[in-house]
Amino acid sequence: MSSENEAGFVTPLQRSLHMLALISLLGLIVLCTSWELVLAPLRPGGSWMAIKTLPLLLPLAGVMRRNIYTLQWSSMFVLLYFIEGVVRGWSETGTSAVLAMIEIGFSTVFFFCAIFFLRPYKKAAKKLAREAIQKAASVDHD
């Protein structure tokens, strides 16, 4: 389900937030792959740590389509990459530390863009739930 079909609106701000979320997710995919294969692998010649990129491919199609459910779970999921960035930024030096800071940046941008993109839909869902409860309560009293 795309957000446009569910609520029937996507504001210019939401379009920008979606685009930033998508760009940051793609940036995170490129960063994680190149980090472990080329830029600063754990072992010379590349590292199996590059497989950490594979889970980032799971939400890609849904994020591209503005799928609300995908944006919800992927906003929490990306925090694993934020945590990895913090740990590696704190414990490593040189290029790896810089790459870790970039990873923190991409994951933070994705998280906040996804959350703020979803905000109007969460408000609309709460409003519908409140109306349904009020309607059910009025039916019970009749």
N, C-alpha and C. Protein backbone atom coordinates (compact mmCIF):
# COMPACT_ATOMS: atom_id res chain seq x y z
N MET A 1 0.84 -1.18 0.00
CA MET A 1 0.00 0.00 0.00
C MET A 1 0.88 1.23 0.00
N SER A 2 0.69 2.08 -0.95
CA SER A 2 1.48 3.31 -0.97
C SER A 2 0.76 4.39 -0.19
N SER A 3 1.51 5.34 0.29
CA SER A 3 0.92 6.40 1.10
C SER A 3 -0.06 7.25 0.31
N GLU A 4 0.18 7.43 -0.99
CA GLU A 4 -0.72 8.25 -1.79
C GLU A 4 -2.08 7.58 -1.93
N ASN A 5 -2.12 6.27 -2.05
CA ASN A 5 -3.38 5.56 -2.19
C ASN A 5 -4.17 5.53 -0.89
N GLU A 6 -3.48 5.43 0.25
CA GLU A 6 -4.16 5.31 1.52
C GLU A 6 -4.82 6.60 1.95
N ALA A 7 -4.08 7.68 1.99
CA ALA A 7 -4.60 8.92 2.53
C ALA A 7 -4.96 9.91 1.43
N GLY A 8 -4.51 9.70 0.22
CA GLY A 8 -4.85 10.55 -0.89
C GLY A 8 -4.08 11.85 -0.96
N PHE A 9 -3.02 11.98 -0.19
CA PHE A 9 -2.25 13.22 -0.27
C PHE A 9 -0.78 12.97 0.04
N VAL A 10 0.04 13.74 -0.61
CA VAL A 10 1.46 13.80 -0.31
C VAL A 10 1.85 15.26 -0.53
N THR A 11 2.24 15.90 0.55
CA THR A 11 2.59 17.33 0.47
C THR A 11 3.98 17.50 -0.13
N PRO A 12 4.32 18.72 -0.56
CA PRO A 12 5.68 18.97 -1.05
C PRO A 12 6.74 18.63 0.01
N LEU A 13 6.43 18.91 1.28
CA LEU A 13 7.37 18.55 2.35
C LEU A 13 7.55 17.04 2.42
N GLN A 14 6.46 16.31 2.31
CA GLN A 14 6.55 14.85 2.34
C GLN A 14 7.34 14.32 1.15
N ARG A 15 7.17 14.92 0.00
CA ARG A 15 7.95 14.51 -1.18
C ARG A 15 9.45 14.69 -0.91
N SER A 16 9.80 15.83 -0.31
CA SER A 16 11.21 16.09 0.02
C SER A 16 11.72 15.11 1.06
N LEU A 17 10.91 14.86 2.08
CA LEU A 17 11.31 13.90 3.13
C LEU A 17 11.50 12.50 2.54
N HIS A 18 10.57 12.12 1.66
CA HIS A 18 10.69 10.81 1.02
C HIS A 18 11.96 10.72 0.19
N MET A 19 12.24 11.77 -0.58
CA MET A 19 13.43 11.78 -1.43
C MET A 19 14.70 11.71 -0.58
N LEU A 20 14.74 12.46 0.50
CA LEU A 20 15.91 12.41 1.39
C LEU A 20 16.06 11.04 2.04
N ALA A 21 14.94 10.44 2.44
CA ALA A 21 15.00 9.09 3.02
C ALA A 21 15.55 8.10 2.00
N LEU A 22 15.05 8.18 0.77
CA LEU A 22 15.50 7.27 -0.27
C LEU A 22 16.99 7.48 -0.58
N ILE A 23 17.41 8.73 -0.70
CA ILE A 23 18.81 9.03 -0.99
C ILE A 23 19.71 8.54 0.14
N SER A 24 19.27 8.74 1.39
CA SER A 24 20.10 8.29 2.51
C SER A 24 20.16 6.76 2.58
N LEU A 25 19.07 6.08 2.24
CA LEU A 25 19.10 4.62 2.22
C LEU A 25 20.05 4.12 1.12
N LEU A 26 19.96 4.71 -0.05
CA LEU A 26 20.87 4.33 -1.14
C LEU A 26 22.32 4.65 -0.77
N GLY A 27 22.52 5.80 -0.13
CA GLY A 27 23.86 6.16 0.34
C GLY A 27 24.41 5.17 1.35
N LEU A 28 23.55 4.71 2.23
CA LEU A 28 23.96 3.72 3.23
C LEU A 28 24.33 2.39 2.57
N ILE A 29 23.57 2.00 1.55
CA ILE A 29 23.87 0.77 0.82
C ILE A 29 25.23 0.88 0.13
N VAL A 30 25.46 1.98 -0.56
CA VAL A 30 26.74 2.18 -1.26
C VAL A 30 27.88 2.27 -0.26
N LEU A 31 27.67 3.02 0.81
CA LEU A 31 28.71 3.18 1.83
C LEU A 31 29.10 1.85 2.45
N CYS A 32 28.12 1.08 2.91
CA CYS A 32 28.43 -0.19 3.59
C CYS A 32 29.14 -1.16 2.66
N THR A 33 28.73 -1.20 1.41
CA THR A 33 29.38 -2.10 0.45
C THR A 33 30.81 -1.66 0.17
N SER A 34 30.98 -0.40 -0.16
CA SER A 34 32.32 0.08 -0.51
C SER A 34 33.25 0.10 0.70
N TRP A 35 32.72 0.36 1.87
CA TRP A 35 33.51 0.37 3.09
C TRP A 35 34.20 -0.97 3.30
N GLU A 36 33.42 -2.04 3.21
CA GLU A 36 33.95 -3.37 3.53
C GLU A 36 34.65 -4.05 2.37
N LEU A 37 34.46 -3.56 1.15
CA LEU A 37 35.12 -4.18 0.01
C LEU A 37 36.33 -3.39 -0.49
N VAL A 38 36.29 -2.06 -0.36
CA VAL A 38 37.32 -1.23 -1.00
C VAL A 38 37.96 -0.22 -0.05
N LEU A 39 37.15 0.61 0.58
CA LEU A 39 37.66 1.79 1.28
C LEU A 39 38.47 1.46 2.54
N ALA A 40 37.93 0.61 3.41
CA ALA A 40 38.64 0.26 4.65
C ALA A 40 38.17 -1.09 5.16
N PRO A 41 38.39 -2.14 4.37
CA PRO A 41 37.92 -3.47 4.80
C PRO A 41 38.67 -3.95 6.04
N LEU A 42 38.02 -4.82 6.80
CA LEU A 42 38.66 -5.38 7.99
C LEU A 42 39.89 -6.20 7.62
N ARG A 43 39.84 -6.86 6.46
CA ARG A 43 40.98 -7.64 5.96
C ARG A 43 41.35 -7.10 4.58
N PRO A 44 42.63 -7.11 4.25
CA PRO A 44 43.03 -6.66 2.91
C PRO A 44 42.33 -7.47 1.81
N GLY A 45 41.88 -6.79 0.79
CA GLY A 45 41.21 -7.48 -0.32
C GLY A 45 39.71 -7.59 -0.16
N GLY A 46 39.17 -7.12 0.95
CA GLY A 46 37.73 -7.18 1.17
C GLY A 46 37.37 -8.00 2.38
N SER A 47 36.16 -7.82 2.84
CA SER A 47 35.72 -8.47 4.06
C SER A 47 34.31 -9.03 3.87
N TRP A 48 34.03 -10.11 4.55
CA TRP A 48 32.69 -10.68 4.53
C TRP A 48 31.69 -9.76 5.22
N MET A 49 32.19 -8.75 5.92
CA MET A 49 31.31 -7.78 6.56
C MET A 49 30.45 -7.04 5.53
N ALA A 50 30.82 -7.14 4.27
CA ALA A 50 30.02 -6.49 3.21
C ALA A 50 28.61 -7.06 3.15
N ILE A 51 28.41 -8.27 3.68
CA ILE A 51 27.06 -8.83 3.65
C ILE A 51 26.10 -8.06 4.55
N LYS A 52 26.64 -7.17 5.40
CA LYS A 52 25.75 -6.35 6.21
C LYS A 52 24.89 -5.44 5.34
N THR A 53 25.25 -5.30 4.09
CA THR A 53 24.48 -4.48 3.15
C THR A 53 23.19 -5.19 2.73
N LEU A 54 23.20 -6.49 2.68
CA LEU A 54 22.04 -7.24 2.18
C LEU A 54 20.73 -6.90 2.88
N PRO A 55 20.70 -6.81 4.22
CA PRO A 55 19.42 -6.44 4.85
C PRO A 55 18.89 -5.06 4.45
N LEU A 56 19.79 -4.17 4.04
CA LEU A 56 19.35 -2.85 3.60
C LEU A 56 18.59 -2.90 2.28
N LEU A 57 18.76 -3.98 1.53
CA LEU A 57 18.04 -4.13 0.27
C LEU A 57 16.57 -4.50 0.48
N LEU A 58 16.25 -5.08 1.64
CA LEU A 58 14.88 -5.51 1.92
C LEU A 58 13.86 -4.36 1.86
N PRO A 59 14.13 -3.23 2.51
CA PRO A 59 13.12 -2.16 2.46
C PRO A 59 13.19 -1.28 1.22
N LEU A 60 14.17 -1.47 0.37
CA LEU A 60 14.40 -0.54 -0.74
C LEU A 60 13.18 -0.36 -1.64
N ALA A 61 12.57 -1.43 -2.09
CA ALA A 61 11.41 -1.32 -2.99
C ALA A 61 10.25 -0.62 -2.30
N GLY A 62 9.99 -0.97 -1.06
CA GLY A 62 8.89 -0.34 -0.31
C GLY A 62 9.14 1.13 -0.05
N VAL A 63 10.37 1.49 0.24
CA VAL A 63 10.70 2.90 0.46
C VAL A 63 10.53 3.66 -0.85
N MET A 64 10.94 3.07 -1.94
CA MET A 64 10.78 3.72 -3.25
C MET A 64 9.31 3.99 -3.56
N ARG A 65 8.42 3.08 -3.14
CA ARG A 65 6.98 3.22 -3.40
C ARG A 65 6.24 4.00 -2.32
N ARG A 66 6.97 4.49 -1.32
CA ARG A 66 6.37 5.22 -0.19
C ARG A 66 5.43 4.34 0.60
N ASN A 67 5.73 3.08 0.72
CA ASN A 67 4.89 2.16 1.48
C ASN A 67 4.99 2.50 2.97
N ILE A 68 3.85 2.80 3.57
CA ILE A 68 3.83 3.24 4.96
C ILE A 68 4.39 2.18 5.90
N TYR A 69 3.93 0.94 5.74
CA TYR A 69 4.40 -0.14 6.62
C TYR A 69 5.92 -0.31 6.50
N THR A 70 6.44 -0.29 5.30
CA THR A 70 7.89 -0.44 5.10
C THR A 70 8.65 0.71 5.74
N LEU A 71 8.15 1.92 5.56
CA LEU A 71 8.81 3.08 6.18
C LEU A 71 8.78 2.99 7.69
N GLN A 72 7.70 2.43 8.25
CA GLN A 72 7.63 2.28 9.70
C GLN A 72 8.70 1.33 10.22
N TRP A 73 8.73 0.11 9.67
CA TRP A 73 9.68 -0.85 10.23
C TRP A 73 11.12 -0.52 9.85
N SER A 74 11.33 0.04 8.67
CA SER A 74 12.70 0.35 8.28
C SER A 74 13.27 1.53 9.06
N SER A 75 12.40 2.41 9.56
CA SER A 75 12.90 3.51 10.39
C SER A 75 13.48 2.97 11.70
N MET A 76 12.94 1.87 12.20
CA MET A 76 13.50 1.25 13.40
C MET A 76 14.71 0.37 13.05
N PHE A 77 14.61 -0.30 11.94
CA PHE A 77 15.67 -1.20 11.48
C PHE A 77 16.98 -0.47 11.21
N VAL A 78 16.89 0.74 10.65
CA VAL A 78 18.09 1.49 10.29
C VAL A 78 18.88 1.90 11.54
N LEU A 79 18.24 1.86 12.70
CA LEU A 79 18.94 2.20 13.93
C LEU A 79 20.06 1.20 14.25
N LEU A 80 19.98 -0.02 13.71
CA LEU A 80 21.08 -0.98 13.86
C LEU A 80 22.35 -0.45 13.19
N TYR A 81 22.19 0.21 12.06
CA TYR A 81 23.33 0.78 11.35
C TYR A 81 23.83 2.03 12.07
N PHE A 82 22.93 2.75 12.70
CA PHE A 82 23.33 3.88 13.54
C PHE A 82 24.21 3.38 14.68
N ILE A 83 23.77 2.31 15.33
CA ILE A 83 24.53 1.73 16.45
C ILE A 83 25.89 1.24 15.98
N GLU A 84 25.93 0.57 14.83
CA GLU A 84 27.21 0.11 14.30
C GLU A 84 28.13 1.30 14.05
N GLY A 85 27.60 2.37 13.50
CA GLY A 85 28.39 3.57 13.24
C GLY A 85 28.96 4.17 14.52
N VAL A 86 28.13 4.21 15.55
CA VAL A 86 28.59 4.75 16.84
C VAL A 86 29.71 3.88 17.41
N VAL A 87 29.51 2.56 17.41
CA VAL A 87 30.52 1.65 17.96
C VAL A 87 31.82 1.74 17.16
N ARG A 88 31.72 1.68 15.85
CA ARG A 88 32.94 1.71 15.03
C ARG A 88 33.58 3.10 15.02
N GLY A 89 32.78 4.13 15.10
CA GLY A 89 33.32 5.48 15.17
C GLY A 89 34.09 5.71 16.47
N TRP A 90 33.63 5.09 17.54
CA TRP A 90 34.26 5.22 18.85
C TRP A 90 35.51 4.35 18.96
N SER A 91 35.45 3.16 18.34
CA SER A 91 36.52 2.18 18.57
C SER A 91 37.59 2.15 17.47
N GLU A 92 37.29 2.68 16.30
CA GLU A 92 38.26 2.61 15.21
C GLU A 92 38.86 3.99 14.94
N THR A 93 39.92 3.99 14.17
CA THR A 93 40.59 5.25 13.85
C THR A 93 40.73 5.38 12.33
N GLY A 94 41.15 6.54 11.91
CA GLY A 94 41.44 6.76 10.49
C GLY A 94 40.21 6.73 9.62
N THR A 95 40.36 6.10 8.46
CA THR A 95 39.30 6.05 7.46
C THR A 95 38.04 5.39 8.00
N SER A 96 38.20 4.32 8.75
CA SER A 96 37.03 3.62 9.29
C SER A 96 36.22 4.51 10.22
N ALA A 97 36.89 5.32 11.01
CA ALA A 97 36.18 6.23 11.91
C ALA A 97 35.39 7.27 11.11
N VAL A 98 35.98 7.78 10.04
CA VAL A 98 35.28 8.75 9.19
C VAL A 98 34.09 8.09 8.51
N LEU A 99 34.27 6.89 8.00
CA LEU A 99 33.17 6.17 7.36
C LEU A 99 32.05 5.87 8.36
N ALA A 100 32.43 5.60 9.59
CA ALA A 100 31.43 5.35 10.64
C ALA A 100 30.60 6.61 10.89
N MET A 101 31.24 7.76 10.88
CA MET A 101 30.50 9.02 11.06
C MET A 101 29.54 9.27 9.89
N ILE A 102 29.96 8.91 8.70
CA ILE A 102 29.08 9.03 7.54
C ILE A 102 27.90 8.07 7.68
N GLU A 103 28.16 6.87 8.17
CA GLU A 103 27.10 5.90 8.40
C GLU A 103 26.10 6.44 9.43
N ILE A 104 26.61 7.06 10.48
CA ILE A 104 25.73 7.68 11.47
C ILE A 104 24.87 8.75 10.80
N GLY A 105 25.48 9.55 9.94
CA GLY A 105 24.73 10.59 9.23
C GLY A 105 23.63 10.04 8.35
N PHE A 106 23.96 9.07 7.52
CA PHE A 106 22.95 8.48 6.62
C PHE A 106 21.81 7.85 7.41
N SER A 107 22.14 7.09 8.45
CA SER A 107 21.09 6.42 9.21
C SER A 107 20.22 7.42 9.97
N THR A 108 20.82 8.49 10.47
CA THR A 108 20.06 9.52 11.17
C THR A 108 19.12 10.25 10.21
N VAL A 109 19.62 10.61 9.05
CA VAL A 109 18.78 11.29 8.06
C VAL A 109 17.62 10.39 7.66
N PHE A 110 17.89 9.11 7.40
CA PHE A 110 16.81 8.20 7.02
C PHE A 110 15.77 8.12 8.13
N PHE A 111 16.23 7.93 9.36
CA PHE A 111 15.32 7.77 10.49
C PHE A 111 14.37 8.98 10.61
N PHE A 112 14.93 10.18 10.66
CA PHE A 112 14.10 11.36 10.86
C PHE A 112 13.22 11.66 9.65
N CYS A 113 13.73 11.46 8.46
CA CYS A 113 12.90 11.69 7.27
C CYS A 113 11.73 10.72 7.22
N ALA A 114 11.97 9.46 7.54
CA ALA A 114 10.89 8.47 7.55
C ALA A 114 9.86 8.81 8.62
N ILE A 115 10.31 9.16 9.82
CA ILE A 115 9.39 9.49 10.91
C ILE A 115 8.53 10.70 10.55
N PHE A 116 9.16 11.76 10.05
CA PHE A 116 8.39 12.95 9.73
C PHE A 116 7.53 12.77 8.48
N PHE A 117 7.94 11.91 7.55
CA PHE A 117 7.09 11.58 6.41
C PHE A 117 5.82 10.89 6.89
N LEU A 118 5.94 10.00 7.87
CA LEU A 118 4.81 9.21 8.36
C LEU A 118 3.89 9.98 9.30
N ARG A 119 4.35 11.07 9.84
CA ARG A 119 3.59 11.80 10.86
C ARG A 119 2.15 12.12 10.47
N PRO A 120 1.88 12.68 9.29
CA PRO A 120 0.47 12.96 8.93
C PRO A 120 -0.40 11.71 8.87
N TYR A 121 0.18 10.60 8.47
CA TYR A 121 -0.59 9.35 8.37
C TYR A 121 -0.91 8.80 9.75
N LYS A 122 0.01 8.97 10.68
CA LYS A 122 -0.24 8.55 12.05
C LYS A 122 -1.35 9.40 12.67
N LYS A 123 -1.32 10.70 12.41
CA LYS A 123 -2.37 11.59 12.92
C LYS A 123 -3.72 11.21 12.33
N ALA A 124 -3.76 10.93 11.03
CA ALA A 124 -5.01 10.55 10.38
C ALA A 124 -5.54 9.23 10.94
N ALA A 125 -4.65 8.28 11.19
CA ALA A 125 -5.06 6.98 11.75
C ALA A 125 -5.63 7.15 13.16
N LYS A 126 -5.01 8.00 13.96
CA LYS A 126 -5.51 8.25 15.32
C LYS A 126 -6.88 8.90 15.27
N LYS A 127 -7.05 9.84 14.33
CA LYS A 127 -8.33 10.51 14.19
C LYS A 127 -9.43 9.52 13.80
N LEU A 128 -9.12 8.63 12.84
CA LEU A 128 -10.10 7.62 12.42
C LEU A 128 -10.44 6.68 13.58
N ALA A 129 -9.45 6.29 14.35
CA ALA A 129 -9.68 5.41 15.49
C ALA A 129 -10.58 6.10 16.52
N ARG A 130 -10.30 7.36 16.79
CA ARG A 130 -11.09 8.13 17.76
C ARG A 130 -12.55 8.23 17.28
N GLU A 131 -12.73 8.51 15.98
CA GLU A 131 -14.09 8.60 15.43
C GLU A 131 -14.81 7.26 15.50
N ALA A 132 -14.10 6.17 15.24
CA ALA A 132 -14.72 4.85 15.30
C ALA A 132 -15.14 4.51 16.73
N ILE A 133 -14.33 4.88 17.69
CA ILE A 133 -14.67 4.62 19.10
C ILE A 133 -15.89 5.44 19.49
N GLN A 134 -15.91 6.71 19.07
CA GLN A 134 -17.06 7.56 19.39
C GLN A 134 -18.33 7.03 18.74
N LYS A 135 -18.21 6.57 17.51
CA LYS A 135 -19.37 6.03 16.81
C LYS A 135 -19.86 4.76 17.50
N ALA A 136 -18.94 3.90 17.89
CA ALA A 136 -19.32 2.66 18.58
C ALA A 136 -19.95 2.97 19.93
N ALA A 137 -19.43 3.98 20.62
CA ALA A 137 -19.99 4.36 21.93
C ALA A 137 -21.39 4.91 21.78
N SER A 138 -21.64 5.69 20.72
CA SER A 138 -22.97 6.26 20.52
C SER A 138 -23.98 5.20 20.11
N VAL A 139 -23.55 4.17 19.41
CA VAL A 139 -24.42 3.06 19.02
C VAL A 139 -24.82 2.26 20.26
N ASP A 140 -23.89 2.08 21.19
CA ASP A 140 -24.17 1.34 22.42
C ASP A 140 -25.19 2.04 23.29
N HIS A 141 -25.22 3.36 23.26
CA HIS A 141 -26.13 4.11 24.09
C HIS A 141 -27.52 4.28 23.50
N ASP A 142 -27.66 3.98 22.24
CA ASP A 142 -28.98 4.15 21.58
C ASP A 142 -29.91 3.02 21.84
